[in-house]
């Protein structure tokens, strides 16, 4: 266990932005343990949806952990004391989200898996009270919701949600569920929780090529993300008022000044992509990956993950010192 890390443990809940291997053994198209994913990752493809390290790898480094936080799918023993990554590609807040691609671990199931981890930690440390006291010091990071729009609401042929609900009502359903799950984490000891807002869903190469007009971003996708972020921000304020022993922070993941870092290709993927936006198996990616915002049709490159991680790390300082 790394005693010098800035928090003793780091728990991650989310989707493909943070997944580091939880989907590898699932029956799904939403997996990335094949070339050219991981072309810049030590050891090659790992189940990270990018060319190298992802956001939470970089956050863990900034927190001075000596190793990657392991995916839930292969955690064992006292490893769990430094944290677990529960994130699953294509997963959403709702059960059915992303399921057209195959299996995923949706947020409720990620919470169930975390309950098992919590009970294991209690056994390691000698009781539930000890487990809670230990977990009080840990960082919890939640980054989910994109798929509830792009792999559910905005696919009216495959999902009924947009026929049943207005965008406003649907977003309220997502936030209410998220609220319930945050309270559940609090109940099991979470006191430092970072909840990330969604990025510009309408500006991915996949969104632009399937739904865009003249290469423009898809406004209704971006509007949905803004609506979700506003409501998530309010939820964070509500939770802070309700649980005065805790600190919840809304992370604004909206966009770093990318051109400053030489990222000039913002609307095309670096790898050749399949119809569903993922890299073609063994496709040859662009050589100048640090100039690309997107690695495939949906997922950002390692450099952009690193920039987002630095921005996130700045925003979570109050949690580290809480």
C-alpha atoms as a PDB file:
ATOM      1  CA  UNK A   1       0.000   0.000   0.000  1.00  0.00           C
ATOM      2  CA  UNK A   2       1.415   3.351  -0.960  1.00  0.00           C
ATOM      3  CA  UNK A   3       1.609   5.306   2.278  1.00  0.00           C
ATOM      4  CA  UNK A   4       2.774   8.454   0.555  1.00  0.00           C
ATOM      5  CA  UNK A   5      -0.197   8.887  -1.751  1.00  0.00           C
ATOM      6  CA  UNK A   6      -2.227  12.024  -1.004  1.00  0.00           C
ATOM      7  CA  UNK A   7      -5.283   9.926  -0.150  1.00  0.00           C
ATOM      8  CA  UNK A   8      -5.071   6.291   0.992  1.00  0.00           C
ATOM      9  CA  UNK A   9      -7.413   5.031  -1.727  1.00  0.00           C
ATOM     10  CA  UNK A  10      -9.160   6.036  -4.916  1.00  0.00           C
ATOM     11  CA  UNK A  11     -12.460   4.544  -6.158  1.00  0.00           C
ATOM     12  CA  UNK A  12     -13.726   5.114  -9.677  1.00  0.00           C
ATOM     13  CA  UNK A  13     -17.238   4.733 -11.122  1.00  0.00           C
ATOM     14  CA  UNK A  14     -17.993   5.422 -14.764  1.00  0.00           C
ATOM     15  CA  UNK A  15     -17.882   4.457 -18.421  1.00  0.00           C
ATOM     16  CA  UNK A  16     -15.332   4.075 -21.224  1.00  0.00           C
ATOM     17  CA  UNK A  17     -13.614   7.343 -20.345  1.00  0.00           C
ATOM     18  CA  UNK A  18     -12.289   5.613 -17.209  1.00  0.00           C
ATOM     19  CA  UNK A  19     -12.621   1.866 -17.948  1.00  0.00           C
ATOM     20  CA  UNK A  20      -9.263   0.090 -17.622  1.00  0.00           C
ATOM     21  CA  UNK A  21     -10.261  -3.490 -18.376  1.00  0.00           C
ATOM     22  CA  UNK A  22     -13.637  -4.289 -16.808  1.00  0.00           C
ATOM     23  CA  UNK A  23     -15.200  -5.080 -20.204  1.00  0.00           C
ATOM     24  CA  UNK A  24     -12.421  -7.357 -21.485  1.00  0.00           C
ATOM     25  CA  UNK A  25     -14.199 -10.572 -20.525  1.00  0.00           C
ATOM     26  CA  UNK A  26     -17.761  -9.405 -21.228  1.00  0.00           C
ATOM     27  CA  UNK A  27     -19.741 -10.309 -24.336  1.00  0.00           C
ATOM     28  CA  UNK A  28     -19.851  -6.871 -25.908  1.00  0.00           C
ATOM     29  CA  UNK A  29     -18.676  -4.790 -28.850  1.00  0.00           C
ATOM     30  CA  UNK A  30     -17.716  -2.118 -26.300  1.00  0.00           C
ATOM     31  CA  UNK A  31     -14.242  -3.358 -25.515  1.00  0.00           C
ATOM     32  CA  UNK A  32     -10.800  -2.089 -26.396  1.00  0.00           C
ATOM     33  CA  UNK A  33      -8.331  -4.858 -25.556  1.00  0.00           C
ATOM     34  CA  UNK A  34      -7.079  -5.068 -29.143  1.00  0.00           C
ATOM     35  CA  UNK A  35      -4.738  -3.121 -31.438  1.00  0.00           C
ATOM     36  CA  UNK A  36      -4.483  -0.210 -32.115  1.00  0.00           C
ATOM     37  CA  UNK A  37      -5.824   0.686 -28.646  1.00  0.00           C
ATOM     38  CA  UNK A  38      -2.928   0.825 -26.204  1.00  0.00           C
ATOM     39  CA  UNK A  39      -0.347   1.466 -28.905  1.00  0.00           C
ATOM     40  CA  UNK A  40       1.360   3.921 -26.511  1.00  0.00           C
ATOM     41  CA  UNK A  41       0.563   1.986 -23.330  1.00  0.00           C
ATOM     42  CA  UNK A  42       3.307  -0.032 -21.631  1.00  0.00           C
ATOM     43  CA  UNK A  43       2.296  -3.619 -22.375  1.00  0.00           C
ATOM     44  CA  UNK A  44      -0.045  -2.727 -25.245  1.00  0.00           C
ATOM     45  CA  UNK A  45      -3.858  -3.039 -25.325  1.00  0.00           C
ATOM     46  CA  UNK A  46      -5.351  -3.294 -21.819  1.00  0.00           C
ATOM     47  CA  UNK A  47      -9.012  -2.387 -22.163  1.00  0.00           C
ATOM     48  CA  UNK A  48      -8.423   1.366 -21.991  1.00  0.00           C
ATOM     49  CA  UNK A  49     -10.339   3.167 -24.748  1.00  0.00           C
ATOM     50  CA  UNK A  50      -7.410   5.288 -25.946  1.00  0.00           C
ATOM     51  CA  UNK A  51      -3.882   5.042 -27.329  1.00  0.00           C
ATOM     52  CA  UNK A  52      -2.227   5.123 -23.907  1.00  0.00           C
ATOM     53  CA  UNK A  53      -3.105   6.042 -20.350  1.00  0.00           C
ATOM     54  CA  UNK A  54      -6.480   7.428 -19.383  1.00  0.00           C
ATOM     55  CA  UNK A  55      -7.814  10.148 -17.144  1.00  0.00           C
ATOM     56  CA  UNK A  56      -7.842   8.131 -13.930  1.00  0.00           C
ATOM     57  CA  UNK A  57      -4.360   6.718 -14.556  1.00  0.00           C
ATOM     58  CA  UNK A  58      -3.106  10.303 -14.625  1.00  0.00           C
ATOM     59  CA  UNK A  59      -5.187  11.351 -11.619  1.00  0.00           C
ATOM     60  CA  UNK A  60      -3.730   8.393  -9.673  1.00  0.00           C
ATOM     61  CA  UNK A  61      -0.222   9.554 -10.611  1.00  0.00           C
ATOM     62  CA  UNK A  62      -0.979  13.120  -9.530  1.00  0.00           C
ATOM     63  CA  UNK A  63      -2.233  11.679  -6.221  1.00  0.00           C
ATOM     64  CA  UNK A  64       1.163   9.915  -6.018  1.00  0.00           C
ATOM     65  CA  UNK A  65      -0.054   6.330  -6.131  1.00  0.00           C
ATOM     66  CA  UNK A  66       2.808   4.091  -7.179  1.00  0.00           C
ATOM     67  CA  UNK A  67       0.620   1.810  -9.327  1.00  0.00           C
ATOM     68  CA  UNK A  68      -2.497   1.923 -11.469  1.00  0.00           C
ATOM     69  CA  UNK A  69      -5.783   1.487  -9.617  1.00  0.00           C
ATOM     70  CA  UNK A  70      -6.857  -2.052 -10.623  1.00  0.00           C
ATOM     71  CA  UNK A  71     -10.101  -2.808 -12.476  1.00  0.00           C
ATOM     72  CA  UNK A  72     -12.738  -4.573 -10.353  1.00  0.00           C
ATOM     73  CA  UNK A  73     -12.601  -7.519 -12.786  1.00  0.00           C
ATOM     74  CA  UNK A  74      -9.136  -8.437 -11.552  1.00  0.00           C
ATOM     75  CA  UNK A  75      -8.642  -7.134  -8.054  1.00  0.00           C
ATOM     76  CA  UNK A  76      -7.491  -9.403  -5.317  1.00  0.00           C
ATOM     77  CA  UNK A  77      -6.322  -9.455  -1.729  1.00  0.00           C
ATOM     78  CA  UNK A  78      -5.191  -6.328   0.060  1.00  0.00           C
ATOM     79  CA  UNK A  79      -4.848  -4.562  -3.311  1.00  0.00           C
ATOM     80  CA  UNK A  80      -8.362  -3.283  -2.732  1.00  0.00           C
ATOM     81  CA  UNK A  81      -7.120  -1.084   0.109  1.00  0.00           C
ATOM     82  CA  UNK A  82      -5.704   1.375  -2.387  1.00  0.00           C
ATOM     83  CA  UNK A  83      -8.885   1.518  -4.427  1.00  0.00           C
ATOM     84  CA  UNK A  84     -10.755  -0.112  -7.280  1.00  0.00           C
ATOM     85  CA  UNK A  85     -11.821   1.033 -10.728  1.00  0.00           C
ATOM     86  CA  UNK A  86     -15.441  -0.003 -11.390  1.00  0.00           C
ATOM     87  CA  UNK A  87     -15.872   1.857 -14.711  1.00  0.00           C
ATOM     88  CA  UNK A  88     -17.309  -0.049 -17.678  1.00  0.00           C
ATOM     89  CA  UNK A  89     -17.402   0.960 -21.357  1.00  0.00           C
ATOM     90  CA  UNK A  90     -20.907   1.807 -22.694  1.00  0.00           C
ATOM     91  CA  UNK A  91     -22.331   1.820 -19.156  1.00  0.00           C
ATOM     92  CA  UNK A  92     -24.831   4.366 -17.986  1.00  0.00           C
ATOM     93  CA  UNK A  93     -26.861   5.424 -14.991  1.00  0.00           C
ATOM     94  CA  UNK A  94     -29.758   3.350 -16.372  1.00  0.00           C
ATOM     95  CA  UNK A  95     -29.633  -0.428 -16.700  1.00  0.00           C
ATOM     96  CA  UNK A  96     -30.616  -0.601 -20.377  1.00  0.00           C
ATOM     97  CA  UNK A  97     -28.166   2.072 -21.576  1.00  0.00           C
ATOM     98  CA  UNK A  98     -25.521   0.738 -23.975  1.00  0.00           C
ATOM     99  CA  UNK A  99     -26.948  -2.778 -23.858  1.00  0.00           C
ATOM    100  CA  UNK A 100     -27.487  -2.789 -27.637  1.00  0.00           C
ATOM    101  CA  UNK A 101     -23.691  -3.262 -27.851  1.00  0.00           C
ATOM    102  CA  UNK A 102     -23.748  -6.214 -25.448  1.00  0.00           C
ATOM    103  CA  UNK A 103     -23.034  -6.523 -21.750  1.00  0.00           C
ATOM    104  CA  UNK A 104     -21.799  -3.730 -19.517  1.00  0.00           C
ATOM    105  CA  UNK A 105     -21.632  -3.005 -15.811  1.00  0.00           C
ATOM    106  CA  UNK A 106     -24.212  -0.244 -15.300  1.00  0.00           C
ATOM    107  CA  UNK A 107     -23.927   2.121 -12.356  1.00  0.00           C
ATOM    108  CA  UNK A 108     -26.203   0.181 -10.001  1.00  0.00           C
ATOM    109  CA  UNK A 109     -24.109  -2.931 -10.563  1.00  0.00           C
ATOM    110  CA  UNK A 110     -20.907  -0.937 -10.048  1.00  0.00           C
ATOM    111  CA  UNK A 111     -22.363   0.065  -6.664  1.00  0.00           C
ATOM    112  CA  UNK A 112     -23.164  -3.578  -5.870  1.00  0.00           C
ATOM    113  CA  UNK A 113     -19.614  -4.543  -6.727  1.00  0.00           C
ATOM    114  CA  UNK A 114     -18.419  -1.741  -4.490  1.00  0.00           C
ATOM    115  CA  UNK A 115     -20.513  -3.064  -1.629  1.00  0.00           C
ATOM    116  CA  UNK A 116     -18.613  -6.356  -1.958  1.00  0.00           C
ATOM    117  CA  UNK A 117     -15.326  -4.408  -1.844  1.00  0.00           C
ATOM    118  CA  UNK A 118     -16.542  -2.499   1.229  1.00  0.00           C
ATOM    119  CA  UNK A 119     -17.324  -5.762   3.038  1.00  0.00           C
ATOM    120  CA  UNK A 120     -13.910  -7.162   2.072  1.00  0.00           C
ATOM    121  CA  UNK A 121     -12.215  -4.043   3.421  1.00  0.00           C
ATOM    122  CA  UNK A 122     -14.196  -4.469   6.637  1.00  0.00           C
ATOM    123  CA  UNK A 123     -12.829  -8.010   6.924  1.00  0.00           C
ATOM    124  CA  UNK A 124      -9.277  -6.795   6.242  1.00  0.00           C
ATOM    125  CA  UNK A 125      -9.511  -4.005   8.813  1.00  0.00           C
ATOM    126  CA  UNK A 126     -11.532  -5.798  11.480  1.00  0.00           C
ATOM    127  CA  UNK A 127     -15.036  -4.350  11.190  1.00  0.00           C
ATOM    128  CA  UNK A 128     -17.505  -2.068   9.436  1.00  0.00           C
ATOM    129  CA  UNK A 129     -16.668   0.899  11.642  1.00  0.00           C
ATOM    130  CA  UNK A 130     -12.967   0.564  10.829  1.00  0.00           C
ATOM    131  CA  UNK A 131     -13.789   0.216   7.136  1.00  0.00           C
ATOM    132  CA  UNK A 132     -15.892   3.380   7.203  1.00  0.00           C
ATOM    133  CA  UNK A 133     -13.230   5.369   9.020  1.00  0.00           C
ATOM    134  CA  UNK A 134     -10.680   4.265   6.464  1.00  0.00           C
ATOM    135  CA  UNK A 135     -12.982   5.022   3.515  1.00  0.00           C
ATOM    136  CA  UNK A 136     -13.749   8.475   4.954  1.00  0.00           C
ATOM    137  CA  UNK A 137     -10.269   9.494   3.775  1.00  0.00           C
ATOM    138  CA  UNK A 138     -10.539   8.082   0.247  1.00  0.00           C
ATOM    139  CA  UNK A 139     -11.313   9.860  -2.989  1.00  0.00           C
ATOM    140  CA  UNK A 140     -14.418   8.812  -4.946  1.00  0.00           C
ATOM    141  CA  UNK A 141     -14.692   9.824  -8.574  1.00  0.00           C
ATOM    142  CA  UNK A 142     -17.917   9.439 -10.569  1.00  0.00           C
ATOM    143  CA  UNK A 143     -17.945  10.140 -14.304  1.00  0.00           C
ATOM    144  CA  UNK A 144     -21.034   8.746 -16.008  1.00  0.00           C
ATOM    145  CA  UNK A 145     -24.087   9.836 -18.009  1.00  0.00           C
ATOM    146  CA  UNK A 146     -22.809  10.283 -21.578  1.00  0.00           C
ATOM    147  CA  UNK A 147     -24.091   6.885 -22.680  1.00  0.00           C
ATOM    148  CA  UNK A 148     -27.533   7.563 -21.221  1.00  0.00           C
ATOM    149  CA  UNK A 149     -27.820  10.104 -24.027  1.00  0.00           C
ATOM    150  CA  UNK A 150     -25.736   8.781 -26.926  1.00  0.00           C
ATOM    151  CA  UNK A 151     -26.421   5.086 -26.295  1.00  0.00           C
ATOM    152  CA  UNK A 152     -30.037   5.453 -25.214  1.00  0.00           C
ATOM    153  CA  UNK A 153     -32.060   8.679 -25.464  1.00  0.00           C
ATOM    154  CA  UNK A 154     -30.766   9.767 -28.879  1.00  0.00           C
ATOM    155  CA  UNK A 155     -31.312   6.319 -30.451  1.00  0.00           C
ATOM    156  CA  UNK A 156     -35.109   6.340 -30.846  1.00  0.00           C
ATOM    157  CA  UNK A 157     -35.035   3.251 -33.092  1.00  0.00           C
ATOM    158  CA  UNK A 158     -33.502   1.129 -30.341  1.00  0.00           C
ATOM    159  CA  UNK A 159     -34.737   2.790 -27.151  1.00  0.00           C
ATOM    160  CA  UNK A 160     -38.153   4.129 -26.234  1.00  0.00           C
ATOM    161  CA  UNK A 161     -36.923   6.733 -23.713  1.00  0.00           C
ATOM    162  CA  UNK A 162     -37.173   9.731 -26.057  1.00  0.00           C
ATOM    163  CA  UNK A 163     -40.709   8.740 -27.019  1.00  0.00           C
ATOM    164  CA  UNK A 164     -41.802   8.475 -23.388  1.00  0.00           C
ATOM    165  CA  UNK A 165     -39.953  11.426 -21.842  1.00  0.00           C
ATOM    166  CA  UNK A 166     -39.005  14.955 -22.681  1.00  0.00           C
ATOM    167  CA  UNK A 167     -35.275  15.670 -22.398  1.00  0.00           C
ATOM    168  CA  UNK A 168     -35.942  17.614 -19.199  1.00  0.00           C
ATOM    169  CA  UNK A 169     -37.873  14.788 -17.550  1.00  0.00           C
ATOM    170  CA  UNK A 170     -35.361  12.161 -18.680  1.00  0.00           C
ATOM    171  CA  UNK A 171     -32.465  14.195 -17.285  1.00  0.00           C
ATOM    172  CA  UNK A 172     -34.303  14.507 -13.959  1.00  0.00           C
ATOM    173  CA  UNK A 173     -34.636  10.714 -13.862  1.00  0.00           C
ATOM    174  CA  UNK A 174     -30.873  10.355 -14.408  1.00  0.00           C
ATOM    175  CA  UNK A 175     -30.037  12.895 -11.707  1.00  0.00           C
ATOM    176  CA  UNK A 176     -32.480  11.360  -9.204  1.00  0.00           C
ATOM    177  CA  UNK A 177     -30.889   7.955  -9.683  1.00  0.00           C
ATOM    178  CA  UNK A 178     -27.438   9.460  -9.375  1.00  0.00           C
ATOM    179  CA  UNK A 179     -28.519  11.134  -6.156  1.00  0.00           C
ATOM    180  CA  UNK A 180     -29.658   7.797  -4.747  1.00  0.00           C
ATOM    181  CA  UNK A 181     -26.312   6.174  -5.646  1.00  0.00           C
ATOM    182  CA  UNK A 182     -24.300   9.056  -4.142  1.00  0.00           C
ATOM    183  CA  UNK A 183     -26.229   8.672  -0.897  1.00  0.00           C
ATOM    184  CA  UNK A 184     -25.473   4.963  -0.960  1.00  0.00           C
ATOM    185  CA  UNK A 185     -21.748   5.704  -1.286  1.00  0.00           C
ATOM    186  CA  UNK A 186     -22.029   8.142   1.617  1.00  0.00           C
ATOM    187  CA  UNK A 187     -23.704   5.468   3.712  1.00  0.00           C
ATOM    188  CA  UNK A 188     -20.681   3.213   3.152  1.00  0.00           C
ATOM    189  CA  UNK A 189     -18.158   5.797   4.209  1.00  0.00           C
ATOM    190  CA  UNK A 190     -17.578   8.087   1.216  1.00  0.00           C
ATOM    191  CA  UNK A 191     -16.836  11.644   2.378  1.00  0.00           C
ATOM    192  CA  UNK A 192     -14.824  13.056  -0.539  1.00  0.00           C
ATOM    193  CA  UNK A 193     -16.745  12.715  -3.782  1.00  0.00           C
ATOM    194  CA  UNK A 194     -15.967  14.267  -7.166  1.00  0.00           C
ATOM    195  CA  UNK A 195     -18.772  14.138  -9.736  1.00  0.00           C
ATOM    196  CA  UNK A 196     -17.700  14.964 -13.282  1.00  0.00           C
ATOM    197  CA  UNK A 197     -19.852  16.828 -15.752  1.00  0.00           C
ATOM    198  CA  UNK A 198     -20.252  15.619 -19.322  1.00  0.00           C
ATOM    199  CA  UNK A 199     -18.166  16.909 -22.210  1.00  0.00           C
ATOM    200  CA  UNK A 200     -19.493  18.183 -25.538  1.00  0.00           C
ATOM    201  CA  UNK A 201     -21.324  15.039 -26.665  1.00  0.00           C
ATOM    202  CA  UNK A 202     -22.225  16.592 -29.990  1.00  0.00           C
ATOM    203  CA  UNK A 203     -18.639  17.291 -31.061  1.00  0.00           C
ATOM    204  CA  UNK A 204     -17.301  13.730 -31.327  1.00  0.00           C
ATOM    205  CA  UNK A 205     -16.340  12.650 -34.860  1.00  0.00           C
ATOM    206  CA  UNK A 206     -19.002   9.935 -34.584  1.00  0.00           C
ATOM    207  CA  UNK A 207     -21.754  12.402 -33.665  1.00  0.00           C
ATOM    208  CA  UNK A 208     -20.713  14.795 -36.416  1.00  0.00           C
ATOM    209  CA  UNK A 209     -20.504  12.102 -39.106  1.00  0.00           C
ATOM    210  CA  UNK A 210     -23.795  10.418 -38.196  1.00  0.00           C
ATOM    211  CA  UNK A 211     -25.923  13.374 -37.074  1.00  0.00           C
ATOM    212  CA  UNK A 212     -24.079  16.573 -37.899  1.00  0.00           C
ATOM    213  CA  UNK A 213     -24.803  19.048 -40.654  1.00  0.00           C
ATOM    214  CA  UNK A 214     -21.854  20.321 -42.719  1.00  0.00           C
ATOM    215  CA  UNK A 215     -19.308  19.102 -40.202  1.00  0.00           C
ATOM    216  CA  UNK A 216     -20.860  21.054 -37.333  1.00  0.00           C
ATOM    217  CA  UNK A 217     -21.335  19.744 -33.796  1.00  0.00           C
ATOM    218  CA  UNK A 218     -24.755  18.293 -33.010  1.00  0.00           C
ATOM    219  CA  UNK A 219     -26.476  21.013 -31.000  1.00  0.00           C
ATOM    220  CA  UNK A 220     -29.118  18.808 -29.361  1.00  0.00           C
ATOM    221  CA  UNK A 221     -26.415  16.483 -27.954  1.00  0.00           C
ATOM    222  CA  UNK A 222     -24.483  19.430 -26.532  1.00  0.00           C
ATOM    223  CA  UNK A 223     -27.668  20.947 -25.104  1.00  0.00           C
ATOM    224  CA  UNK A 224     -28.389  17.660 -23.327  1.00  0.00           C
ATOM    225  CA  UNK A 225     -24.908  17.664 -21.777  1.00  0.00           C
ATOM    226  CA  UNK A 226     -25.348  21.254 -20.584  1.00  0.00           C
ATOM    227  CA  UNK A 227     -28.738  20.428 -19.051  1.00  0.00           C
ATOM    228  CA  UNK A 228     -27.274  17.375 -17.280  1.00  0.00           C
ATOM    229  CA  UNK A 229     -24.311  19.395 -15.993  1.00  0.00           C
ATOM    230  CA  UNK A 230     -26.512  22.156 -14.595  1.00  0.00           C
ATOM    231  CA  UNK A 231     -28.648  19.626 -12.753  1.00  0.00           C
ATOM    232  CA  UNK A 232     -25.607  17.689 -11.529  1.00  0.00           C
ATOM    233  CA  UNK A 233     -24.127  20.910 -10.195  1.00  0.00           C
ATOM    234  CA  UNK A 234     -27.362  21.572  -8.256  1.00  0.00           C
ATOM    235  CA  UNK A 235     -27.339  18.004  -6.947  1.00  0.00           C
ATOM    236  CA  UNK A 236     -23.820  18.504  -5.608  1.00  0.00           C
ATOM    237  CA  UNK A 237     -24.986  21.624  -3.739  1.00  0.00           C
ATOM    238  CA  UNK A 238     -27.959  19.717  -2.318  1.00  0.00           C
ATOM    239  CA  UNK A 239     -25.742  16.858  -1.119  1.00  0.00           C
ATOM    240  CA  UNK A 240     -23.308  19.279   0.510  1.00  0.00           C
ATOM    241  CA  UNK A 241     -26.188  20.850   2.432  1.00  0.00           C
ATOM    242  CA  UNK A 242     -27.576  17.471   3.430  1.00  0.00           C
ATOM    243  CA  UNK A 243     -24.300  15.826   4.486  1.00  0.00           C
ATOM    244  CA  UNK A 244     -22.273  18.446   6.272  1.00  0.00           C
ATOM    245  CA  UNK A 245     -19.632  15.849   7.217  1.00  0.00           C
ATOM    246  CA  UNK A 246     -18.800  15.387   3.526  1.00  0.00           C
ATOM    247  CA  UNK A 247     -17.539  17.305   0.564  1.00  0.00           C
ATOM    248  CA  UNK A 248     -19.018  16.782  -2.887  1.00  0.00           C
ATOM    249  CA  UNK A 249     -17.478  18.630  -5.816  1.00  0.00           C
ATOM    250  CA  UNK A 250     -18.779  19.150  -9.346  1.00  0.00           C
ATOM    251  CA  UNK A 251     -15.947  18.774 -11.857  1.00  0.00           C
ATOM    252  CA  UNK A 252     -16.310  20.925 -14.898  1.00  0.00           C
ATOM    253  CA  UNK A 253     -14.843  18.749 -17.619  1.00  0.00           C
ATOM    254  CA  UNK A 254     -15.505  21.273 -20.315  1.00  0.00           C
ATOM    255  CA  UNK A 255     -12.778  21.786 -22.598  1.00  0.00           C
ATOM    256  CA  UNK A 256      -9.139  22.597 -21.845  1.00  0.00           C
ATOM    257  CA  UNK A 257      -7.590  25.187 -24.218  1.00  0.00           C
ATOM    258  CA  UNK A 258      -6.440  22.417 -26.548  1.00  0.00           C
ATOM    259  CA  UNK A 259      -4.867  24.513 -29.291  1.00  0.00           C
ATOM    260  CA  UNK A 260      -2.324  25.757 -26.740  1.00  0.00           C
ATOM    261  CA  UNK A 261      -0.994  22.217 -26.560  1.00  0.00           C
ATOM    262  CA  UNK A 262      -0.722  21.712 -30.309  1.00  0.00           C
ATOM    263  CA  UNK A 263      -3.956  19.739 -30.624  1.00  0.00           C
ATOM    264  CA  UNK A 264      -5.144  20.855 -34.018  1.00  0.00           C
ATOM    265  CA  UNK A 265      -7.249  17.979 -35.411  1.00  0.00           C
ATOM    266  CA  UNK A 266     -10.472  18.186 -33.438  1.00  0.00           C
ATOM    267  CA  UNK A 267     -13.102  16.544 -35.628  1.00  0.00           C
ATOM    268  CA  UNK A 268     -11.492  13.413 -37.092  1.00  0.00           C
ATOM    269  CA  UNK A 269     -10.458  10.151 -35.420  1.00  0.00           C
ATOM    270  CA  UNK A 270      -6.782   9.137 -35.357  1.00  0.00           C
ATOM    271  CA  UNK A 271      -7.515   5.458 -36.069  1.00  0.00           C
ATOM    272  CA  UNK A 272      -9.622   4.043 -38.917  1.00  0.00           C
ATOM    273  CA  UNK A 273     -13.051   3.410 -37.360  1.00  0.00           C
ATOM    274  CA  UNK A 274     -15.846   0.843 -37.640  1.00  0.00           C
ATOM    275  CA  UNK A 275     -19.466   1.879 -38.141  1.00  0.00           C
ATOM    276  CA  UNK A 276     -19.909   2.045 -34.371  1.00  0.00           C
ATOM    277  CA  UNK A 277     -17.046   4.515 -33.986  1.00  0.00           C
ATOM    278  CA  UNK A 278     -14.453   2.186 -32.467  1.00  0.00           C
ATOM    279  CA  UNK A 279     -11.048   1.523 -34.024  1.00  0.00           C
ATOM    280  CA  UNK A 280     -10.904  -1.148 -36.712  1.00  0.00           C
ATOM    281  CA  UNK A 281      -8.996  -4.206 -35.457  1.00  0.00           C
ATOM    282  CA  UNK A 282      -5.282  -3.764 -36.271  1.00  0.00           C
ATOM    283  CA  UNK A 283      -5.978  -0.522 -38.159  1.00  0.00           C
ATOM    284  CA  UNK A 284      -2.962   1.772 -38.482  1.00  0.00           C
ATOM    285  CA  UNK A 285      -3.473   4.900 -36.359  1.00  0.00           C
ATOM    286  CA  UNK A 286      -2.172   8.362 -37.244  1.00  0.00           C
ATOM    287  CA  UNK A 287       1.520   8.866 -36.374  1.00  0.00           C
ATOM    288  CA  UNK A 288       0.986  12.356 -34.878  1.00  0.00           C
ATOM    289  CA  UNK A 289      -1.352  11.276 -32.078  1.00  0.00           C
ATOM    290  CA  UNK A 290      -0.582  14.280 -29.884  1.00  0.00           C
ATOM    291  CA  UNK A 291      -2.130  16.547 -32.492  1.00  0.00           C
ATOM    292  CA  UNK A 292      -5.481  14.730 -32.348  1.00  0.00           C
ATOM    293  CA  UNK A 293      -8.304  15.363 -29.916  1.00  0.00           C
ATOM    294  CA  UNK A 294      -9.955  11.994 -30.675  1.00  0.00           C
ATOM    295  CA  UNK A 295      -8.351   8.578 -30.959  1.00  0.00           C
ATOM    296  CA  UNK A 296     -11.479   6.894 -32.350  1.00  0.00           C
ATOM    297  CA  UNK A 297     -14.962   8.171 -33.148  1.00  0.00           C
ATOM    298  CA  UNK A 298     -15.814   8.802 -29.478  1.00  0.00           C
ATOM    299  CA  UNK A 299     -12.760   8.566 -27.268  1.00  0.00           C
ATOM    300  CA  UNK A 300     -10.050  11.128 -26.643  1.00  0.00           C
ATOM    301  CA  UNK A 301      -6.304  10.609 -27.051  1.00  0.00           C
ATOM    302  CA  UNK A 302      -3.883  10.055 -24.187  1.00  0.00           C
ATOM    303  CA  UNK A 303      -2.664  13.670 -24.267  1.00  0.00           C
ATOM    304  CA  UNK A 304      -6.215  14.979 -23.883  1.00  0.00           C
ATOM    305  CA  UNK A 305      -6.806  12.535 -21.013  1.00  0.00           C
ATOM    306  CA  UNK A 306      -3.697  13.981 -19.373  1.00  0.00           C
ATOM    307  CA  UNK A 307      -4.886  17.575 -19.817  1.00  0.00           C
ATOM    308  CA  UNK A 308      -8.325  16.699 -18.406  1.00  0.00           C
ATOM    309  CA  UNK A 309      -6.635  14.947 -15.479  1.00  0.00           C
ATOM    310  CA  UNK A 310      -4.581  18.031 -14.649  1.00  0.00           C
ATOM    311  CA  UNK A 311      -7.730  20.177 -14.762  1.00  0.00           C
ATOM    312  CA  UNK A 312      -9.588  17.668 -12.584  1.00  0.00           C
ATOM    313  CA  UNK A 313      -6.721  17.460 -10.103  1.00  0.00           C
ATOM    314  CA  UNK A 314      -6.789  21.242  -9.669  1.00  0.00           C
ATOM    315  CA  UNK A 315     -10.529  21.113  -9.009  1.00  0.00           C
ATOM    316  CA  UNK A 316     -10.313  18.294  -6.418  1.00  0.00           C
ATOM    317  CA  UNK A 317      -7.776  20.026  -4.174  1.00  0.00           C
ATOM    318  CA  UNK A 318     -10.477  20.894  -1.589  1.00  0.00           C
ATOM    319  CA  UNK A 319     -11.317  17.171  -1.343  1.00  0.00           C
ATOM    320  CA  UNK A 320      -7.718  16.143  -0.777  1.00  0.00           C
ATOM    321  CA  UNK A 321      -7.419  18.611   2.076  1.00  0.00           C
ATOM    322  CA  UNK A 322     -10.917  18.014   3.484  1.00  0.00           C
END
